[in-house]
Amino acid sequence: MRTSITTDIAFCQKLLKTGELVAIPTETVYGLAASIMDIGAIERIFEMKGRPMFNPLIVHIHSLEQLSLLARDIPENALRLARAFWPGSLTLILPKTAEVSDTITANKPTVGIRMPNHPKTLALLKGLPFPIAAPSANPSTRVSPTSAEHVFSYFGTKLPAILDGGPCEVGLESTIVGFKGETPVIYRKGGITVEAIEAIVGKVQLVTKEDKAPVAPGMLAKHYAPKTKLIISSSVAETVEEYTGFKVGVISFCSNYERVEALRILSQEGNLAIAAKNLFSALHELDQMELDFIVAEKFPEEGLGRSINDRLERAAY
């Protein structure tokens, strides 16, 4: 099979309608998409990623009207969040309808749903007679892709098409919110901050780790991991000194470090949104450099810094 990195939306729609998998851009990361109506294609997502079947997928829609096709008994707080953040980096975990297969939800009674904020993927979805299921387009546990080139580096010619939407604007996966009654529960920190969620619905619970039967994607302890060993440090200079004699790369928020093999500063301005956008790209780059270690600076535990730290902790697990 020859892979086409393309901007042809109609071509990608045709592939999805005939049961093929297509990589798609979103504002968060690139996804590996299939029709929710084609169970064989859904099963190939799990197979291609090496993803355990107990780890559920997220369904992507293009309008709020589609929500009732997939979910029932929707809490009012879920609708408040959808109106505030869709299209955008928010996934809602809701009781599923019979339209959603148990394969997608890993036999759970709930389904994760979001409306991506990317013009190409919204146009793709609007021309399809079905929603799509799309986890991140990377092998399970590996660093998420934020460019078409990252996807190609993972899957080569295994995919018929990668819809090229340029670099991802957010660069972190969606924030996942479920509900216990009307009480919101954050299952994954992501591109929308805890503070922004609480500004809409009040105080939330945090339940972000579960290795055996996760309610939502992104809850496994090991995830987003480069092949190179990753170390998180609150004192990067001392850690680099400790590893003198080794080839060490550093991921920094906004500080410069000397005597390292490679340095990636995520935001010269100290902007957490820019740092989040650049995180996975930096991990991809350093992981290709045959380093002995990657040392990542611990980020401020606030706003998107909490989401960045979450990714680093799982990558270093």
Protein backbone atom coordinates (compact mmCIF):
# COMPACT_ATOMS: atom_id res chain seq x y z
CA MET A 1 0.00 0.00 0.00
CA ARG A 2 1.21 3.48 -0.84
CA THR A 3 0.46 6.22 1.69
CA SER A 4 -0.76 9.57 0.42
CA ILE A 5 -0.10 12.64 2.58
CA THR A 6 -2.87 14.72 1.13
CA THR A 7 -5.13 17.74 1.57
CA ASP A 8 -7.89 16.09 -0.49
CA ILE A 9 -10.85 15.83 1.90
CA ALA A 10 -13.14 14.11 -0.63
CA PHE A 11 -10.50 11.39 -1.18
CA CYS A 12 -10.31 10.75 2.58
CA GLN A 13 -14.11 10.67 2.86
CA LYS A 14 -14.25 8.04 0.12
CA LEU A 15 -11.69 5.90 1.94
CA LEU A 16 -13.60 6.10 5.23
CA LYS A 17 -16.87 5.19 3.49
CA THR A 18 -15.23 2.05 2.09
CA GLY A 19 -13.94 0.85 5.46
CA GLU A 20 -10.39 2.18 5.33
CA LEU A 21 -8.47 3.90 8.13
CA VAL A 22 -7.35 7.50 7.60
CA ALA A 23 -5.15 9.70 9.80
CA ILE A 24 -6.79 13.06 10.46
CA PRO A 25 -5.61 16.38 11.92
CA THR A 26 -7.21 17.95 14.95
CA GLU A 27 -6.21 20.92 17.07
CA THR A 28 -4.94 18.50 19.74
CA VAL A 29 -3.04 15.69 18.00
CA TYR A 30 -3.48 13.65 14.80
CA GLY A 31 -6.03 10.84 15.06
CA LEU A 32 -6.39 7.39 13.47
CA ALA A 33 -9.96 7.42 12.17
CA ALA A 34 -12.59 4.89 11.12
CA SER A 35 -16.36 4.88 10.69
CA ILE A 36 -18.19 4.01 13.91
CA MET A 37 -20.51 1.85 11.76
CA ASP A 38 -17.70 -0.44 10.56
CA ILE A 39 -16.65 -2.77 13.39
CA GLY A 40 -13.96 -4.39 11.24
CA ALA A 41 -12.33 -0.99 10.70
CA ILE A 42 -12.64 -0.18 14.40
CA GLU A 43 -10.90 -3.45 15.27
CA ARG A 44 -8.08 -2.56 12.85
CA ILE A 45 -7.48 0.66 14.81
CA PHE A 46 -6.74 -1.41 17.91
CA GLU A 47 -4.61 -3.83 15.88
CA MET A 48 -2.59 -1.13 14.09
CA LYS A 49 -1.90 0.78 17.30
CA GLY A 50 -1.26 -2.33 19.40
CA ARG A 51 -3.86 -0.81 21.72
CA PRO A 52 -5.40 -3.02 24.42
CA MET A 53 -9.09 -3.69 23.73
CA PHE A 54 -9.97 -2.54 27.26
CA ASN A 55 -8.91 1.04 26.42
CA PRO A 56 -11.92 2.84 24.86
CA LEU A 57 -11.91 5.15 21.83
CA ILE A 58 -13.26 8.69 21.38
CA VAL A 59 -16.02 9.41 18.84
CA HIS A 60 -15.79 12.67 16.84
CA ILE A 61 -18.81 14.67 15.66
CA HIS A 62 -19.31 17.95 13.79
CA SER A 63 -22.46 19.36 15.43
CA LEU A 64 -24.22 19.42 18.78
CA GLU A 65 -27.27 17.91 17.10
CA GLN A 66 -25.35 14.65 16.60
CA LEU A 67 -24.88 14.24 20.33
CA SER A 68 -28.34 12.71 20.89
CA LEU A 69 -27.57 9.97 18.33
CA LEU A 70 -24.69 8.74 20.48
CA ALA A 71 -25.54 9.68 24.08
CA ARG A 72 -28.58 9.59 26.37
CA ASP A 73 -29.45 10.94 29.81
CA ILE A 74 -27.08 13.84 29.21
CA PRO A 75 -26.42 15.90 32.39
CA GLU A 76 -27.10 19.62 32.17
CA ASN A 77 -23.50 20.30 33.16
CA ALA A 78 -22.35 18.31 30.12
CA LEU A 79 -24.42 20.53 27.85
CA ARG A 80 -23.00 23.64 29.53
CA LEU A 81 -19.48 22.42 28.84
CA ALA A 82 -20.29 21.46 25.26
CA ARG A 83 -21.75 24.90 24.55
CA ALA A 84 -18.74 26.58 26.14
CA PHE A 85 -15.93 24.57 24.54
CA TRP A 86 -17.13 22.84 21.35
CA PRO A 87 -15.64 22.75 18.84
CA GLY A 88 -12.54 22.34 20.96
CA SER A 89 -10.30 20.23 23.15
CA LEU A 90 -13.00 18.73 25.37
CA THR A 91 -14.22 15.11 25.43
CA LEU A 92 -17.40 14.26 27.34
CA ILE A 93 -17.96 10.78 28.79
CA LEU A 94 -21.71 10.08 28.59
CA PRO A 95 -24.13 7.11 28.72
CA LYS A 96 -24.13 5.60 25.25
CA THR A 97 -26.98 4.76 22.90
CA ALA A 98 -27.31 1.50 20.96
CA GLU A 99 -25.74 3.27 17.95
CA VAL A 100 -22.32 2.99 19.61
CA SER A 101 -20.71 -0.43 19.53
CA ASP A 102 -19.26 -2.07 22.63
CA THR A 103 -15.96 -2.43 20.72
CA ILE A 104 -15.58 1.35 20.66
CA THR A 105 -16.38 1.70 24.37
CA ALA A 106 -14.44 -1.38 25.56
CA ASN A 107 -17.75 -2.89 26.77
CA LYS A 108 -18.47 0.09 28.99
CA PRO A 109 -21.93 1.72 29.14
CA THR A 110 -20.42 5.14 28.39
CA VAL A 111 -18.83 6.72 25.33
CA GLY A 112 -16.33 9.57 24.92
CA ILE A 113 -17.48 12.23 22.43
CA ARG A 114 -15.89 15.41 21.17
CA MET A 115 -16.15 17.99 18.38
CA PRO A 116 -12.65 18.76 17.05
CA ASN A 117 -11.69 22.35 16.30
CA HIS A 118 -9.92 21.88 12.98
CA PRO A 119 -11.40 23.16 9.70
CA LYS A 120 -10.27 20.19 7.58
CA THR A 121 -11.61 17.56 9.96
CA LEU A 122 -14.89 19.42 10.52
CA ALA A 123 -15.32 19.58 6.73
CA LEU A 124 -14.46 15.87 6.51
CA LEU A 125 -17.06 15.00 9.17
CA LYS A 126 -19.79 17.14 7.59
CA GLY A 127 -19.47 15.13 4.37
CA LEU A 128 -19.78 11.73 6.06
CA PRO A 129 -23.04 9.91 6.93
CA PHE A 130 -21.51 8.70 10.21
CA PRO A 131 -19.32 9.98 13.06
CA ILE A 132 -15.77 8.63 13.31
CA ALA A 133 -13.83 6.98 16.12
CA ALA A 134 -10.28 8.31 16.32
CA PRO A 135 -7.65 7.73 18.99
CA SER A 136 -4.22 9.33 18.53
CA ALA A 137 -2.38 8.13 15.41
CA ASN A 138 0.59 6.49 17.13
CA PRO A 139 1.50 3.03 18.42
CA SER A 140 0.13 2.47 21.92
CA THR A 141 2.16 4.21 24.70
CA ARG A 142 4.34 6.14 22.20
CA VAL A 143 4.58 9.93 21.80
CA SER A 144 1.45 11.41 20.21
CA PRO A 145 1.80 12.85 16.67
CA THR A 146 1.34 16.58 16.07
CA SER A 147 2.18 16.58 12.35
CA ALA A 148 1.46 14.43 9.31
CA GLU A 149 5.17 13.55 9.23
CA HIS A 150 5.00 12.13 12.76
CA VAL A 151 2.14 9.84 11.67
CA PHE A 152 4.06 8.68 8.61
CA SER A 153 7.16 7.95 10.72
CA TYR A 154 5.06 5.55 12.80
CA PHE A 155 2.93 3.79 10.19
CA GLY A 156 4.74 4.30 6.89
CA THR A 157 2.78 2.57 4.14
CA LYS A 158 0.23 0.88 6.44
CA LEU A 159 -2.26 3.74 5.94
CA PRO A 160 -3.80 4.68 2.59
CA ALA A 161 -3.97 8.38 3.50
CA ILE A 162 -2.93 11.00 6.02
CA LEU A 163 -5.02 14.17 5.79
CA ASP A 164 -2.46 16.94 6.24
CA GLY A 165 -3.73 19.81 8.35
CA GLY A 166 -0.37 21.25 9.34
CA PRO A 167 1.04 21.35 12.89
CA CYS A 168 -1.53 20.89 15.66
CA GLU A 169 -2.42 24.19 17.33
CA VAL A 170 -2.98 22.87 20.87
CA GLY A 171 -0.56 19.95 20.87
CA LEU A 172 -2.02 18.11 23.88
CA GLU A 173 -4.90 15.65 23.80
CA SER A 174 -8.37 16.78 24.86
CA THR A 175 -9.43 17.18 28.46
CA ILE A 176 -11.80 14.32 29.30
CA VAL A 177 -14.76 15.01 31.61
CA GLY A 178 -17.30 12.49 32.85
CA PHE A 179 -20.07 12.77 35.42
CA LYS A 180 -21.21 11.19 38.65
CA GLY A 181 -24.77 12.46 38.55
CA GLU A 182 -24.29 16.17 37.81
CA THR A 183 -20.82 16.25 39.41
CA PRO A 184 -18.08 16.63 36.77
CA VAL A 185 -15.07 14.29 36.98
CA ILE A 186 -11.88 14.99 35.03
CA TYR A 187 -10.41 11.71 33.79
CA ARG A 188 -7.63 13.25 31.70
CA LYS A 189 -6.01 16.68 31.96
CA GLY A 190 -5.61 18.18 28.52
CA GLY A 191 -5.89 21.18 26.23
CA ILE A 192 -8.60 22.86 28.33
CA THR A 193 -7.47 23.66 31.86
CA VAL A 194 -9.08 22.47 35.07
CA GLU A 195 -9.58 26.14 35.94
CA ALA A 196 -11.51 26.77 32.71
CA ILE A 197 -13.77 23.76 33.34
CA GLU A 198 -14.46 24.88 36.91
CA ALA A 199 -15.34 28.38 35.71
CA ILE A 200 -18.32 26.83 33.87
CA VAL A 201 -19.52 24.07 36.21
CA GLY A 202 -17.89 24.68 39.60
CA LYS A 203 -15.61 22.32 41.52
CA VAL A 204 -14.63 19.07 39.79
CA GLN A 205 -13.20 15.75 40.93
CA LEU A 206 -9.92 14.44 39.50
CA VAL A 207 -9.61 10.71 38.71
CA THR A 208 -6.82 10.49 36.15
CA LYS A 209 -5.12 7.09 36.60
CA GLU A 210 -6.51 3.59 36.05
CA ASP A 211 -4.46 0.79 34.47
CA LYS A 212 -6.92 -2.13 34.51
CA ALA A 213 -10.20 -0.88 33.06
CA PRO A 214 -9.91 2.83 32.29
CA VAL A 215 -13.12 4.79 31.89
CA ALA A 216 -11.39 7.03 29.34
CA PRO A 217 -8.28 7.11 27.13
CA GLY A 218 -5.05 8.54 28.54
CA MET A 219 -5.43 7.04 32.02
CA LEU A 220 -2.74 4.35 31.75
CA ALA A 221 0.35 4.99 33.88
CA LYS A 222 2.72 4.52 30.91
CA HIS A 223 1.80 6.66 27.92
CA TYR A 224 3.20 9.31 25.52
CA ALA A 225 6.63 7.70 25.97
CA PRO A 226 9.76 8.13 23.80
CA LYS A 227 12.12 5.18 23.33
CA THR A 228 14.83 7.21 25.12
CA LYS A 229 14.65 7.15 28.91
CA LEU A 230 12.95 10.31 30.20
CA ILE A 231 13.74 11.92 33.56
CA ILE A 232 11.66 14.73 35.09
CA SER A 233 13.61 17.19 37.22
CA SER A 234 12.88 20.26 39.33
CA SER A 235 16.60 21.08 39.16
CA VAL A 236 17.72 20.40 35.61
CA ALA A 237 21.26 21.78 35.94
CA GLU A 238 21.99 19.44 38.85
CA THR A 239 20.49 16.47 37.02
CA VAL A 240 22.57 17.19 33.91
CA GLU A 241 25.68 17.42 36.11
CA GLU A 242 24.80 14.06 37.62
CA TYR A 243 24.79 12.50 34.16
CA THR A 244 28.13 13.96 33.01
CA GLY A 245 29.66 11.66 30.42
CA PHE A 246 26.30 10.70 28.93
CA LYS A 247 24.56 12.17 25.90
CA VAL A 248 21.78 14.18 27.51
CA GLY A 249 19.02 16.19 25.85
CA VAL A 250 16.92 18.71 27.78
CA ILE A 251 13.33 19.88 27.41
CA SER A 252 12.96 23.26 29.10
CA PHE A 253 10.02 25.59 29.66
CA CYS A 254 11.86 28.86 29.02
CA SER A 255 15.36 28.48 30.51
CA ASN A 256 18.68 27.94 28.78
CA TYR A 257 21.00 25.10 29.85
CA GLU A 258 24.63 24.52 28.91
CA ARG A 259 26.76 21.42 28.48
CA VAL A 260 23.96 19.34 27.00
CA GLU A 261 23.88 17.43 23.72
CA ALA A 262 20.57 19.00 22.66
CA LEU A 263 18.21 21.59 24.11
CA ARG A 264 14.58 22.27 23.25
CA ILE A 265 13.12 25.39 24.88
CA LEU A 266 9.35 25.10 24.52
CA SER A 267 8.54 28.79 24.98
CA GLN A 268 11.10 31.60 25.10
CA GLU A 269 8.30 33.86 26.39
CA GLY A 270 7.30 31.52 29.23
CA ASN A 271 3.87 30.93 27.66
CA LEU A 272 2.29 27.62 28.75
CA ALA A 273 0.02 27.38 25.68
CA ILE A 274 3.04 27.67 23.36
CA ALA A 275 4.96 25.18 25.49
CA ALA A 276 2.08 22.68 25.29
CA LYS A 277 1.91 23.07 21.52
CA ASN A 278 5.64 22.30 21.20
CA LEU A 279 5.96 19.48 23.77
CA PHE A 280 5.35 16.38 21.64
CA SER A 281 7.31 17.77 18.70
CA ALA A 282 10.31 18.27 21.00
CA LEU A 283 9.98 14.72 22.32
CA HIS A 284 9.86 13.37 18.76
CA GLU A 285 12.98 15.34 17.78
CA LEU A 286 15.06 14.36 20.80
CA ASP A 287 13.99 10.73 20.54
CA GLN A 288 15.58 10.56 17.05
CA MET A 289 18.99 11.78 18.28
CA GLU A 290 20.29 8.56 19.92
CA LEU A 291 20.65 10.23 23.32
CA ASP A 292 21.24 8.31 26.53
CA PHE A 293 18.70 10.38 28.47
CA ILE A 294 16.14 13.13 28.02
CA VAL A 295 15.77 15.40 31.04
CA ALA A 296 12.49 17.33 31.16
CA GLU A 297 12.01 20.34 33.38
CA LYS A 298 9.02 20.07 35.73
CA PHE A 299 6.46 22.72 34.78
CA PRO A 300 4.47 25.06 37.04
CA GLU A 301 1.57 23.08 38.50
CA GLU A 302 -1.06 25.48 37.19
CA GLY A 303 -3.17 25.85 34.04
CA LEU A 304 -1.72 23.93 31.09
CA GLY A 305 1.39 23.25 33.17
CA ARG A 306 -0.66 20.60 34.98
CA SER A 307 -1.48 18.91 31.66
CA ILE A 308 2.15 19.07 30.50
CA ASN A 309 3.34 17.53 33.79
CA ASP A 310 0.73 14.79 33.39
CA ARG A 311 2.16 13.86 29.97
CA LEU A 312 5.74 13.96 31.22
CA GLU A 313 4.94 11.77 34.24
CA ARG A 314 3.37 9.11 32.05
CA ALA A 315 6.20 9.33 29.52
CA ALA A 316 8.75 8.82 32.31
CA TYR A 317 6.86 5.96 33.98
